[in-house]
PDB file of N, CA and C in Angstrom:
ATOM      1  N   MET A   1      83.418  88.910 113.081  1.00  0.00           N
ATOM      2  CA  MET A   1      84.305  88.781 111.950  1.00  0.00           C
ATOM      3  C   MET A   1      85.679  88.351 112.447  1.00  0.00           C
ATOM      4  N   LYS A   2      86.338  87.494 111.665  1.00  0.00           N
ATOM      5  CA  LYS A   2      87.699  87.083 111.989  1.00  0.00           C
ATOM      6  C   LYS A   2      88.635  87.463 110.846  1.00  0.00           C
ATOM      7  N   ILE A   3      89.747  88.076 111.218  1.00  0.00           N
ATOM      8  CA  ILE A   3      90.772  88.500 110.275  1.00  0.00           C
ATOM      9  C   ILE A   3      92.050  87.731 110.604  1.00  0.00           C
ATOM     10  N   ALA A   4      92.623  87.064 109.602  1.00  0.00           N
ATOM     11  CA  ALA A   4      93.895  86.360 109.784  1.00  0.00           C
ATOM     12  C   ALA A   4      94.988  87.105 109.035  1.00  0.00           C
ATOM     13  N   VAL A   5      96.167  87.127 109.643  1.00  0.00           N
ATOM     14  CA  VAL A   5      97.330  87.749 109.018  1.00  0.00           C
ATOM     15  C   VAL A   5      98.457  86.726 109.009  1.00  0.00           C
ATOM     16  N   THR A   6      99.106  86.528 107.849  1.00  0.00           N
ATOM     17  CA  THR A   6     100.314  85.713 107.842  1.00  0.00           C
ATOM     18  C   THR A   6     101.291  86.417 108.771  1.00  0.00           C
ATOM     19  N   TYR A   7     101.905  85.674 109.694  1.00  0.00           N
ATOM     20  CA  TYR A   7     102.542  86.332 110.827  1.00  0.00           C
ATOM     21  C   TYR A   7     103.937  85.797 111.111  1.00  0.00           C
ATOM     22  N   ASP A   8     104.866  86.734 111.351  1.00  0.00           N
ATOM     23  CA  ASP A   8     106.219  86.378 111.785  1.00  0.00           C
ATOM     24  C   ASP A   8     106.807  87.561 112.544  1.00  0.00           C
ATOM     25  N   ASN A   9     107.020  87.366 113.832  1.00  0.00           N
ATOM     26  CA  ASN A   9     107.707  88.357 114.659  1.00  0.00           C
ATOM     27  C   ASN A   9     107.084  89.756 114.564  1.00  0.00           C
ATOM     28  N   GLY A  10     105.760  89.817 114.632  1.00  0.00           N
ATOM     29  CA  GLY A  10     105.069  91.098 114.636  1.00  0.00           C
ATOM     30  C   GLY A  10     104.727  91.651 113.270  1.00  0.00           C
ATOM     31  N   GLU A  11     105.287  91.071 112.234  1.00  0.00           N
ATOM     32  CA  GLU A  11     105.128  91.584 110.877  1.00  0.00           C
ATOM     33  C   GLU A  11     104.243  90.674 110.025  1.00  0.00           C
ATOM     34  N   VAL A  12     103.742  91.236 108.924  1.00  0.00           N
ATOM     35  CA  VAL A  12     103.028  90.447 107.924  1.00  0.00           C
ATOM     36  C   VAL A  12     104.063  89.600 107.197  1.00  0.00           C
ATOM     37  N   PHE A  13     103.941  88.272 107.305  1.00  0.00           N
ATOM     38  CA  PHE A  13     104.877  87.367 106.641  1.00  0.00           C
ATOM     39  C   PHE A  13     104.646  87.439 105.136  1.00  0.00           C
ATOM     40  N   GLN A  14     105.732  87.369 104.361  1.00  0.00           N
ATOM     41  CA  GLN A  14     105.652  87.689 102.945  1.00  0.00           C
ATOM     42  C   GLN A  14     105.433  86.522 101.988  1.00  0.00           C
ATOM     43  N   HIS A  15     105.259  85.306 102.481  1.00  0.00           N
ATOM     44  CA  HIS A  15     104.983  84.178 101.576  1.00  0.00           C
ATOM     45  C   HIS A  15     103.894  83.307 102.180  1.00  0.00           C
ATOM     46  N   PHE A  16     102.676  83.490 101.705  1.00  0.00           N
ATOM     47  CA  PHE A  16     101.513  82.771 102.226  1.00  0.00           C
ATOM     48  C   PHE A  16     101.770  81.274 102.367  1.00  0.00           C
ATOM     49  N   GLY A  17     102.289  80.643 101.330  1.00  0.00           N
ATOM     50  CA  GLY A  17     102.465  79.192 101.324  1.00  0.00           C
ATOM     51  C   GLY A  17     103.489  78.667 102.300  1.00  0.00           C
ATOM     52  N   HIS A  18     104.310  79.534 102.851  1.00  0.00           N
ATOM     53  CA  HIS A  18     105.337  79.107 103.812  1.00  0.00           C
ATOM     54  C   HIS A  18     105.112  79.667 105.209  1.00  0.00           C
ATOM     55  N   THR A  19     103.978  80.305 105.434  1.00  0.00           N
ATOM     56  CA  THR A  19     103.733  80.880 106.754  1.00  0.00           C
ATOM     57  C   THR A  19     103.617  79.791 107.805  1.00  0.00           C
ATOM     58  N   GLU A  20     104.249  79.998 108.932  1.00  0.00           N
ATOM     59  CA  GLU A  20     104.183  79.033 110.037  1.00  0.00           C
ATOM     60  C   GLU A  20     103.072  79.372 111.013  1.00  0.00           C
ATOM     61  N   GLU A  21     102.669  80.665 111.023  1.00  0.00           N
ATOM     62  CA  GLU A  21     101.629  81.097 111.962  1.00  0.00           C
ATOM     63  C   GLU A  21     100.743  82.164 111.331  1.00  0.00           C
ATOM     64  N   PHE A  22      99.500  82.165 111.791  1.00  0.00           N
ATOM     65  CA  PHE A  22      98.577  83.243 111.482  1.00  0.00           C
ATOM     66  C   PHE A  22      98.236  83.931 112.797  1.00  0.00           C
ATOM     67  N   LYS A  23      98.200  85.251 112.783  1.00  0.00           N
ATOM     68  CA  LYS A  23      97.678  85.987 113.913  1.00  0.00           C
ATOM     69  C   LYS A  23      96.219  86.264 113.568  1.00  0.00           C
ATOM     70  N   VAL A  24      95.315  85.787 114.416  1.00  0.00           N
ATOM     71  CA  VAL A  24      93.883  85.873 114.135  1.00  0.00           C
ATOM     72  C   VAL A  24      93.248  86.865 115.097  1.00  0.00           C
ATOM     73  N   TYR A  25      92.553  87.819 114.521  1.00  0.00           N
ATOM     74  CA  TYR A  25      91.894  88.887 115.270  1.00  0.00           C
ATOM     75  C   TYR A  25      90.386  88.693 115.138  1.00  0.00           C
ATOM     76  N   GLU A  26      89.690  88.641 116.256  1.00  0.00           N
ATOM     77  CA  GLU A  26      88.232  88.618 116.225  1.00  0.00           C
ATOM     78  C   GLU A  26      87.753  90.049 116.448  1.00  0.00           C
ATOM     79  N   VAL A  27      86.894  90.514 115.552  1.00  0.00           N
ATOM     80  CA  VAL A  27      86.464  91.917 115.561  1.00  0.00           C
ATOM     81  C   VAL A  27      84.942  91.986 115.652  1.00  0.00           C
ATOM     82  N   GLU A  28      84.463  92.823 116.569  1.00  0.00           N
ATOM     83  CA  GLU A  28      83.032  93.132 116.684  1.00  0.00           C
ATOM     84  C   GLU A  28      82.882  94.639 116.823  1.00  0.00           C
ATOM     85  N   ASN A  29      81.945  95.214 116.081  1.00  0.00           N
ATOM     86  CA  ASN A  29      81.693  96.661 116.133  1.00  0.00           C
ATOM     87  C   ASN A  29      82.970  97.475 115.951  1.00  0.00           C
ATOM     88  N   ASN A  30      83.794  97.044 114.991  1.00  0.00           N
ATOM     89  CA  ASN A  30      85.058  97.724 114.661  1.00  0.00           C
ATOM     90  C   ASN A  30      86.060  97.762 115.808  1.00  0.00           C
ATOM     91  N   LYS A  31      85.958  96.826 116.746  1.00  0.00           N
ATOM     92  CA  LYS A  31      86.914  96.722 117.855  1.00  0.00           C
ATOM     93  C   LYS A  31      87.425  95.290 117.937  1.00  0.00           C
ATOM     94  N   ILE A  32      88.718  95.159 118.189  1.00  0.00           N
ATOM     95  CA  ILE A  32      89.326  93.844 118.359  1.00  0.00           C
ATOM     96  C   ILE A  32      88.946  93.332 119.745  1.00  0.00           C
ATOM     97  N   ILE A  33      88.302  92.162 119.783  1.00  0.00           N
ATOM     98  CA  ILE A  33      87.869  91.610 121.070  1.00  0.00           C
ATOM     99  C   ILE A  33      88.680  90.384 121.483  1.00  0.00           C
ATOM    100  N   ASN A  34      89.429  89.804 120.538  1.00  0.00           N
ATOM    101  CA  ASN A  34      90.250  88.641 120.873  1.00  0.00           C
ATOM    102  C   ASN A  34      91.347  88.497 119.825  1.00  0.00           C
ATOM    103  N   ILE A  35      92.517  88.048 120.279  1.00  0.00           N
ATOM    104  CA  ILE A  35      93.646  87.778 119.385  1.00  0.00           C
ATOM    105  C   ILE A  35      94.221  86.428 119.765  1.00  0.00           C
ATOM    106  N   GLU A  36      94.523  85.603 118.749  1.00  0.00           N
ATOM    107  CA  GLU A  36      95.187  84.324 119.010  1.00  0.00           C
ATOM    108  C   GLU A  36      96.156  84.009 117.874  1.00  0.00           C
ATOM    109  N   ILE A  37      97.132  83.182 118.180  1.00  0.00           N
ATOM    110  CA  ILE A  37      98.076  82.699 117.178  1.00  0.00           C
ATOM    111  C   ILE A  37      97.657  81.286 116.798  1.00  0.00           C
ATOM    112  N   VAL A  38      97.518  81.052 115.492  1.00  0.00           N
ATOM    113  CA  VAL A  38      97.132  79.737 114.978  1.00  0.00           C
ATOM    114  C   VAL A  38      98.280  79.197 114.146  1.00  0.00           C
ATOM    115  N   SER A  39      98.731  77.992 114.478  1.00  0.00           N
ATOM    116  CA  SER A  39      99.813  77.352 113.734  1.00  0.00           C
ATOM    117  C   SER A  39      99.305  76.842 112.399  1.00  0.00           C
ATOM    118  N   SER A  40     100.149  76.911 111.391  1.00  0.00           N
ATOM    119  CA  SER A  40      99.783  76.391 110.073  1.00  0.00           C
ATOM    120  C   SER A  40      99.966  74.875 110.000  1.00  0.00           C
ATOM    121  N   ASN A  41     100.562  74.296 111.037  1.00  0.00           N
ATOM    122  CA  ASN A  41     100.827  72.853 111.066  1.00  0.00           C
ATOM    123  C   ASN A  41     101.621  72.395 109.851  1.00  0.00           C
ATOM    124  N   GLU A  42     102.464  73.287 109.336  1.00  0.00           N
ATOM    125  CA  GLU A  42     103.332  73.023 108.192  1.00  0.00           C
ATOM    126  C   GLU A  42     102.574  72.646 106.931  1.00  0.00           C
ATOM    127  N   LEU A  43     101.316  73.058 106.840  1.00  0.00           N
ATOM    128  CA  LEU A  43     100.573  72.880 105.599  1.00  0.00           C
ATOM    129  C   LEU A  43     101.122  73.855 104.581  1.00  0.00           C
ATOM    130  N   GLY A  44     100.822  73.673 103.335  1.00  0.00           N
ATOM    131  CA  GLY A  44     101.306  74.593 102.324  1.00  0.00           C
ATOM    132  C   GLY A  44     100.221  75.021 101.372  1.00  0.00           C
ATOM    133  N   HIS A  45     100.407  76.198 100.827  1.00  0.00           N
ATOM    134  CA  HIS A  45      99.635  76.778  99.745  1.00  0.00           C
ATOM    135  C   HIS A  45      98.126  76.583  99.875  1.00  0.00           C
ATOM    136  N   SER A  46      97.510  75.850  98.964  1.00  0.00           N
ATOM    137  CA  SER A  46      96.045  75.753  98.929  1.00  0.00           C
ATOM    138  C   SER A  46      95.471  75.110 100.187  1.00  0.00           C
ATOM    139  N   ALA A  47      96.202  74.193 100.837  1.00  0.00           N
ATOM    140  CA  ALA A  47      95.712  73.571 102.070  1.00  0.00           C
ATOM    141  C   ALA A  47      95.551  74.596 103.181  1.00  0.00           C
ATOM    142  N   LEU A  48      96.313  75.669 103.133  1.00  0.00           N
ATOM    143  CA  LEU A  48      96.189  76.719 104.137  1.00  0.00           C
ATOM    144  C   LEU A  48      94.839  77.421 104.031  1.00  0.00           C
ATOM    145  N   ALA A  49      94.303  77.517 102.820  1.00  0.00           N
ATOM    146  CA  ALA A  49      92.976  78.125 102.647  1.00  0.00           C
ATOM    147  C   ALA A  49      91.935  77.305 103.400  1.00  0.00           C
ATOM    148  N   TYR A  50      92.057  75.987 103.348  1.00  0.00           N
ATOM    149  CA  TYR A  50      91.128  75.124 104.081  1.00  0.00           C
ATOM    150  C   TYR A  50      91.274  75.337 105.591  1.00  0.00           C
ATOM    151  N   LEU A  51      92.509  75.474 106.068  1.00  0.00           N
ATOM    152  CA  LEU A  51      92.741  75.736 107.487  1.00  0.00           C
ATOM    153  C   LEU A  51      92.059  77.037 107.906  1.00  0.00           C
ATOM    154  N   LEU A  52      92.158  78.059 107.083  1.00  0.00           N
ATOM    155  CA  LEU A  52      91.508  79.337 107.388  1.00  0.00           C
ATOM    156  C   LEU A  52      89.992  79.180 107.399  1.00  0.00           C
ATOM    157  N   GLU A  53      89.471  78.435 106.450  1.00  0.00           N
ATOM    158  CA  GLU A  53      88.033  78.202 106.394  1.00  0.00           C
ATOM    159  C   GLU A  53      87.561  77.460 107.639  1.00  0.00           C
ATOM    160  N   GLU A  54      88.331  76.450 108.069  1.00  0.00           N
ATOM    161  CA  GLU A  54      87.987  75.701 109.292  1.00  0.00           C
ATOM    162  C   GLU A  54      87.943  76.608 110.514  1.00  0.00           C
ATOM    163  N   ASN A  55      88.781  77.646 110.524  1.00  0.00           N
ATOM    164  CA  ASN A  55      88.834  78.585 111.642  1.00  0.00           C
ATOM    165  C   ASN A  55      87.883  79.764 111.464  1.00  0.00           C
ATOM    166  N   LYS A  56      87.005  79.670 110.465  1.00  0.00           N
ATOM    167  CA  LYS A  56      85.963  80.668 110.208  1.00  0.00           C
ATOM    168  C   LYS A  56      86.517  82.074 109.961  1.00  0.00           C
ATOM    169  N   ILE A  57      87.617  82.118 109.175  1.00  0.00           N
ATOM    170  CA  ILE A  57      88.252  83.389 108.827  1.00  0.00           C
ATOM    171  C   ILE A  57      87.461  84.055 107.703  1.00  0.00           C
ATOM    172  N   ASN A  58      87.206  85.345 107.846  1.00  0.00           N
ATOM    173  CA  ASN A  58      86.495  86.122 106.829  1.00  0.00           C
ATOM    174  C   ASN A  58      87.436  86.888 105.913  1.00  0.00           C
ATOM    175  N   VAL A  59      88.584  87.327 106.462  1.00  0.00           N
ATOM    176  CA  VAL A  59      89.524  88.176 105.727  1.00  0.00           C
ATOM    177  C   VAL A  59      90.937  87.660 105.971  1.00  0.00           C
ATOM    178  N   LEU A  60      91.742  87.594 104.897  1.00  0.00           N
ATOM    179  CA  LEU A  60      93.165  87.268 105.018  1.00  0.00           C
ATOM    180  C   LEU A  60      93.973  88.461 104.553  1.00  0.00           C
ATOM    181  N   ILE A  61      94.960  88.833 105.374  1.00  0.00           N
ATOM    182  CA  ILE A  61      95.938  89.861 105.022  1.00  0.00           C
ATOM    183  C   ILE A  61      97.279  89.155 104.919  1.00  0.00           C
ATOM    184  N   CYS A  62      97.963  89.323 103.780  1.00  0.00           N
ATOM    185  CA  CYS A  62      99.244  88.621 103.599  1.00  0.00           C
ATOM    186  C   CYS A  62     100.162  89.415 102.685  1.00  0.00           C
ATOM    187  N   GLY A  63     101.371  88.902 102.545  1.00  0.00           N
ATOM    188  CA  GLY A  63     102.325  89.453 101.587  1.00  0.00           C
ATOM    189  C   GLY A  63     102.099  88.786 100.239  1.00  0.00           C
ATOM    190  N   GLY A  64     103.092  88.008  99.798  1.00  0.00           N
ATOM    191  CA  GLY A  64     102.990  87.319  98.516  1.00  0.00           C
ATOM    192  C   GLY A  64     102.085  86.105  98.577  1.00  0.00           C
ATOM    193  N   ILE A  65     101.375  85.855  97.473  1.00  0.00           N
ATOM    194  CA  ILE A  65     100.465  84.708  97.377  1.00  0.00           C
ATOM    195  C   ILE A  65     100.303  84.351  95.903  1.00  0.00           C
ATOM    196  N   GLY A  66     100.221  83.065  95.627  1.00  0.00           N
ATOM    197  CA  GLY A  66     100.092  82.596  94.249  1.00  0.00           C
ATOM    198  C   GLY A  66      98.653  82.421  93.813  1.00  0.00           C
ATOM    199  N   GLY A  67      98.482  82.230  92.533  1.00  0.00           N
ATOM    200  CA  GLY A  67      97.172  82.140  91.919  1.00  0.00           C
ATOM    201  C   GLY A  67      96.310  80.998  92.425  1.00  0.00           C
ATOM    202  N   CYS A  68      96.896  79.826  92.646  1.00  0.00           N
ATOM    203  CA  CYS A  68      96.098  78.687  93.126  1.00  0.00           C
ATOM    204  C   CYS A  68      95.560  78.943  94.527  1.00  0.00           C
ATOM    205  N   ALA A  69      96.381  79.526  95.386  1.00  0.00           N
ATOM    206  CA  ALA A  69      95.922  79.842  96.742  1.00  0.00           C
ATOM    207  C   ALA A  69      94.830  80.898  96.702  1.00  0.00           C
ATOM    208  N   ILE A  70      94.969  81.863  95.804  1.00  0.00           N
ATOM    209  CA  ILE A  70      93.925  82.883  95.650  1.00  0.00           C
ATOM    210  C   ILE A  70      92.613  82.225  95.245  1.00  0.00           C
ATOM    211  N   GLY A  71      92.689  81.281  94.324  1.00  0.00           N
ATOM    212  CA  GLY A  71      91.496  80.563  93.895  1.00  0.00           C
ATOM    213  C   GLY A  71      90.853  79.793  95.028  1.00  0.00           C
ATOM    214  N   ALA A  72      91.677  79.146  95.857  1.00  0.00           N
ATOM    215  CA  ALA A  72      91.148  78.390  96.997  1.00  0.00           C
ATOM    216  C   ALA A  72      90.471  79.321  98.000  1.00  0.00           C
ATOM    217  N   LEU A  73      91.073  80.480  98.255  1.00  0.00           N
ATOM    218  CA  LEU A  73      90.466  81.444  99.175  1.00  0.00           C
ATOM    219  C   LEU A  73      89.116  81.924  98.645  1.00  0.00           C
ATOM    220  N   LYS A  74      89.060  82.193  97.347  1.00  0.00           N
ATOM    221  CA  LYS A  74      87.798  82.638  96.736  1.00  0.00           C
ATOM    222  C   LYS A  74      86.726  81.564  96.885  1.00  0.00           C
ATOM    223  N   GLU A  75      87.127  80.290  96.709  1.00  0.00           N
ATOM    224  CA  GLU A  75      86.181  79.181  96.869  1.00  0.00           C
ATOM    225  C   GLU A  75      85.526  79.193  98.242  1.00  0.00           C
ATOM    226  N   TYR A  76      86.300  79.547  99.263  1.00  0.00           N
ATOM    227  CA  TYR A  76      85.803  79.568 100.640  1.00  0.00           C
ATOM    228  C   TYR A  76      85.194  80.913 101.023  1.00  0.00           C
ATOM    229  N   GLY A  77      85.190  81.867 100.106  1.00  0.00           N
ATOM    230  CA  GLY A  77      84.590  83.167 100.385  1.00  0.00           C
ATOM    231  C   GLY A  77      85.415  84.042 101.309  1.00  0.00           C
ATOM    232  N   ILE A  78      86.728  83.818 101.342  1.00  0.00           N
ATOM    233  CA  ILE A  78      87.616  84.598 102.206  1.00  0.00           C
ATOM    234  C   ILE A  78      88.127  85.809 101.423  1.00  0.00           C
ATOM    235  N   GLU A  79      87.853  86.995 101.941  1.00  0.00           N
ATOM    236  CA  GLU A  79      88.312  88.241 101.321  1.00  0.00           C
ATOM    237  C   GLU A  79      89.822  88.342 101.472  1.00  0.00           C
ATOM    238  N   LEU A  80      90.519  88.772 100.429  1.00  0.00           N
ATOM    239  CA  LEU A  80      91.976  88.782 100.420  1.00  0.00           C
ATOM    240  C   LEU A  80      92.531  90.181 100.234  1.00  0.00           C
ATOM    241  N   TYR A  81      93.521  90.510 101.068  1.00  0.00           N
ATOM    242  CA  TYR A  81      94.353  91.700 100.892  1.00  0.00           C
ATOM    243  C   TYR A  81      95.782  91.203 100.795  1.00  0.00           C
ATOM    244  N   ALA A  82      96.343  91.210  99.578  1.00  0.00           N
ATOM    245  CA  ALA A  82      97.695  90.700  99.334  1.00  0.00           C
ATOM    246  C   ALA A  82      98.664  91.849  99.090  1.00  0.00           C
ATOM    247  N   GLY A  83      99.950  91.532  99.200  1.00  0.00           N
ATOM    248  CA  GLY A  83     100.985  92.526  98.953  1.00  0.00           C
ATOM    249  C   GLY A  83     101.169  93.495 100.099  1.00  0.00           C
ATOM    250  N   ILE A  84     100.683  93.129 101.271  1.00  0.00           N
ATOM    251  CA  ILE A  84     100.750  94.014 102.438  1.00  0.00           C
ATOM    252  C   ILE A  84     102.072  93.770 103.179  1.00  0.00           C
ATOM    253  N   THR A  85     102.708  94.827 103.640  1.00  0.00           N
ATOM    254  CA  THR A  85     103.958  94.725 104.400  1.00  0.00           C
ATOM    255  C   THR A  85     103.808  95.471 105.721  1.00  0.00           C
ATOM    256  N   GLY A  86     104.775  95.240 106.617  1.00  0.00           N
ATOM    257  CA  GLY A  86     104.813  95.987 107.873  1.00  0.00           C
ATOM    258  C   GLY A  86     104.135  95.263 109.007  1.00  0.00           C
ATOM    259  N   SER A  87     103.756  96.025 110.009  1.00  0.00           N
ATOM    260  CA  SER A  87     103.174  95.505 111.242  1.00  0.00           C
ATOM    261  C   SER A  87     101.823  94.838 110.988  1.00  0.00           C
ATOM    262  N   ALA A  88     101.659  93.623 111.535  1.00  0.00           N
ATOM    263  CA  ALA A  88     100.377  92.916 111.435  1.00  0.00           C
ATOM    264  C   ALA A  88      99.281  93.709 112.136  1.00  0.00           C
ATOM    265  N   ASP A  89      99.570  94.207 113.323  1.00  0.00           N
ATOM    266  CA  ASP A  89      98.575  94.977 114.074  1.00  0.00           C
ATOM    267  C   ASP A  89      98.135  96.218 113.309  1.00  0.00           C
ATOM    268  N   ASN A  90      99.091  96.939 112.713  1.00  0.00           N
ATOM    269  CA  ASN A  90      98.752  98.135 111.943  1.00  0.00           C
ATOM    270  C   ASN A  90      97.895  97.794 110.736  1.00  0.00           C
ATOM    271  N   ALA A  91      98.215  96.679 110.069  1.00  0.00           N
ATOM    272  CA  ALA A  91      97.438  96.273 108.899  1.00  0.00           C
ATOM    273  C   ALA A  91      95.984  96.007 109.282  1.00  0.00           C
ATOM    274  N   VAL A  92      95.774  95.320 110.398  1.00  0.00           N
ATOM    275  CA  VAL A  92      94.416  95.019 110.841  1.00  0.00           C
ATOM    276  C   VAL A  92      93.684  96.298 111.240  1.00  0.00           C
ATOM    277  N   ASN A  93      94.352  97.165 111.968  1.00  0.00           N
ATOM    278  CA  ASN A  93      93.720  98.437 112.344  1.00  0.00           C
ATOM    279  C   ASN A  93      93.357  99.256 111.109  1.00  0.00           C
ATOM    280  N   ASN A  94      94.231  99.243 110.101  1.00  0.00           N
ATOM    281  CA  ASN A  94      93.913  99.946 108.852  1.00  0.00           C
ATOM    282  C   ASN A  94      92.712  99.307 108.161  1.00  0.00           C
ATOM    283  N   TYR A  95      92.626  97.982 108.185  1.00  0.00           N
ATOM    284  CA  TYR A  95      91.467  97.307 107.594  1.00  0.00           C
ATOM    285  C   TYR A  95      90.181  97.720 108.310  1.00  0.00           C
ATOM    286  N   ILE A  96      90.215  97.651 109.631  1.00  0.00           N
ATOM    287  CA  ILE A  96      89.030  97.991 110.424  1.00  0.00           C
ATOM    288  C   ILE A  96      88.570  99.419 110.133  1.00  0.00           C
ATOM    289  N   ASN A  97      89.526 100.321 109.924  1.00  0.00           N
ATOM    290  CA  ASN A  97      89.208 101.730 109.683  1.00  0.00           C
ATOM    291  C   ASN A  97      89.007 102.063 108.202  1.00  0.00           C
ATOM    292  N   GLY A  98      88.973 101.021 107.341  1.00  0.00           N
ATOM    293  CA  GLY A  98      88.743 101.241 105.919  1.00  0.00           C
ATOM    294  C   GLY A  98      89.904 101.865 105.188  1.00  0.00           C
ATOM    295  N   LYS A  99      91.121 101.738 105.741  1.00  0.00           N
ATOM    296  CA  LYS A  99      92.288 102.388 105.144  1.00  0.00           C
ATOM    297  C   LYS A  99      93.309 101.416 104.570  1.00  0.00           C
ATOM    298  N   LEU A 100      93.031 100.114 104.629  1.00  0.00           N
ATOM    299  CA  LEU A 100      93.977  99.144 104.080  1.00  0.00           C
ATOM    300  C   LEU A 100      93.801  99.096 102.575  1.00  0.00           C
ATOM    301  N   VAL A 101      94.876  99.330 101.855  1.00  0.00           N
ATOM    302  CA  VAL A 101      94.835  99.389 100.402  1.00  0.00           C
ATOM    303  C   VAL A 101      95.342  98.075  99.827  1.00  0.00           C
ATOM    304  N   GLN A 102      94.554  97.483  98.933  1.00  0.00           N
ATOM    305  CA  GLN A 102      94.970  96.282  98.220  1.00  0.00           C
ATOM    306  C   GLN A 102      96.147  96.655  97.330  1.00  0.00           C
ATOM    307  N   VAL A 103      97.292  96.002  97.539  1.00  0.00           N
ATOM    308  CA  VAL A 103      98.478  96.340  96.772  1.00  0.00           C
ATOM    309  C   VAL A 103      98.550  95.532  95.485  1.00  0.00           C
ATOM    310  N   SER A 104      98.271  94.231  95.579  1.00  0.00           N
ATOM    311  CA  SER A 104      98.390  93.387  94.394  1.00  0.00           C
ATOM    312  C   SER A 104      97.523  92.154  94.535  1.00  0.00           C
ATOM    313  N   GLU A 105      97.296  91.492  93.443  1.00  0.00           N
ATOM    314  CA  GLU A 105      96.565  90.223  93.458  1.00  0.00           C
ATOM    315  C   GLU A 105      97.588  89.106  93.628  1.00  0.00           C
ATOM    316  N   ALA A 106      97.758  88.260  92.623  1.00  0.00           N
ATOM    317  CA  ALA A 106      98.713  87.152  92.694  1.00  0.00           C
ATOM    318  C   ALA A 106     100.117  87.711  92.521  1.00  0.00           C
ATOM    319  N   ASN A 107     100.898  87.665  93.552  1.00  0.00           N
ATOM    320  CA  ASN A 107     102.245  88.207  93.447  1.00  0.00           C
ATOM    321  C   ASN A 107     103.281  87.248  94.000  1.00  0.00           C
ATOM    322  N   CYS A 108     103.056  85.969  93.814  1.00  0.00           N
ATOM    323  CA  CYS A 108     104.025  84.973  94.242  1.00  0.00           C
ATOM    324  C   CYS A 108     105.219  85.079  93.311  1.00  0.00           C
ATOM    325  N   SER A 109     106.327  85.614  93.793  1.00  0.00           N
ATOM    326  CA  SER A 109     107.456  85.875  92.908  1.00  0.00           C
ATOM    327  C   SER A 109     108.734  85.182  93.351  1.00  0.00           C
ATOM    328  N   HIS A 110     108.616  84.282  94.324  1.00  0.00           N
ATOM    329  CA  HIS A 110     109.827  83.577  94.740  1.00  0.00           C
ATOM    330  C   HIS A 110     110.230  82.587  93.657  1.00  0.00           C
ATOM    331  N   HIS A 111     111.452  82.158  93.694  1.00  0.00           N
ATOM    332  CA  HIS A 111     111.945  81.213  92.683  1.00  0.00           C
ATOM    333  C   HIS A 111     111.488  79.808  93.036  1.00  0.00           C
ATOM    334  N   HIS A 112     110.909  79.144  92.061  1.00  0.00           N
ATOM    335  CA  HIS A 112     110.435  77.785  92.279  1.00  0.00           C
ATOM    336  C   HIS A 112     111.501  76.780  91.904  1.00  0.00           C
ATOM    337  N   GLU A 113     111.580  75.724  92.686  1.00  0.00           N
ATOM    338  CA  GLU A 113     112.455  74.622  92.349  1.00  0.00           C
ATOM    339  C   GLU A 113     111.797  73.826  91.236  1.00  0.00           C
ATOM    340  N   GLU A 114     112.560  72.967  90.605  1.00  0.00           N
ATOM    341  CA  GLU A 114     112.000  72.118  89.561  1.00  0.00           C
ATOM    342  C   GLU A 114     110.833  71.310  90.104  1.00  0.00           C
ATOM    343  N   ASN A 115     109.779  71.167  89.320  1.00  0.00           N
ATOM    344  CA  ASN A 115     108.588  70.401  89.671  1.00  0.00           C
ATOM    345  C   ASN A 115     107.822  70.991  90.854  1.00  0.00           C
ATOM    346  N   HIS A 116     107.922  72.287  91.074  1.00  0.00           N
ATOM    347  CA  HIS A 116     107.189  72.931  92.165  1.00  0.00           C
ATOM    348  C   HIS A 116     106.342  74.052  91.603  1.00  0.00           C
ATOM    349  N   SER A 117     105.135  74.141  92.092  1.00  0.00           N
ATOM    350  CA  SER A 117     104.305  75.293  91.768  1.00  0.00           C
ATOM    351  C   SER A 117     103.547  75.672  93.031  1.00  0.00           C
ATOM    352  N   CYS A 118     102.935  76.839  93.021  1.00  0.00           N
ATOM    353  CA  CYS A 118     102.216  77.292  94.201  1.00  0.00           C
ATOM    354  C   CYS A 118     100.859  76.620  94.344  1.00  0.00           C
ATOM    355  N   CYS A 119     100.566  75.654  93.509  1.00  0.00           N
ATOM    356  CA  CYS A 119      99.289  74.938  93.623  1.00  0.00           C
ATOM    357  C   CYS A 119      99.438  73.674  94.466  1.00  0.00           C
ATOM    358  N   HIS A 120     100.600  73.397  94.976  1.00  0.00           N
ATOM    359  CA  HIS A 120     100.802  72.198  95.801  1.00  0.00           C
ATOM    360  C   HIS A 120     100.604  72.514  97.258  1.00  0.00           C
TER     361      HIS A 120
END
């Protein structure tokens, strides 16, 4: 199983569509066996779901995320835990131990510029 976390300086990054890096954890038998940092290549929103699918991600842990990105993740069968804050490592350990609580679904609440939506 592979778990990706929107990542910035050890923490869960709070805007899926603007994340520059994912911290990817490979897990077998409830133990982390490999960790790597994957660049988002400056992709945005729904295109990031495709990047995760290409990297064979099973679970995404993130902060804020919009409805279109949620739809794209569902299309690829990627399980989502949104609204998560704090340490990326702690979030993954909580997931592995069945203690990560889903905080919210679509919670993209940043201010959009004119002609911008989270579906781009």
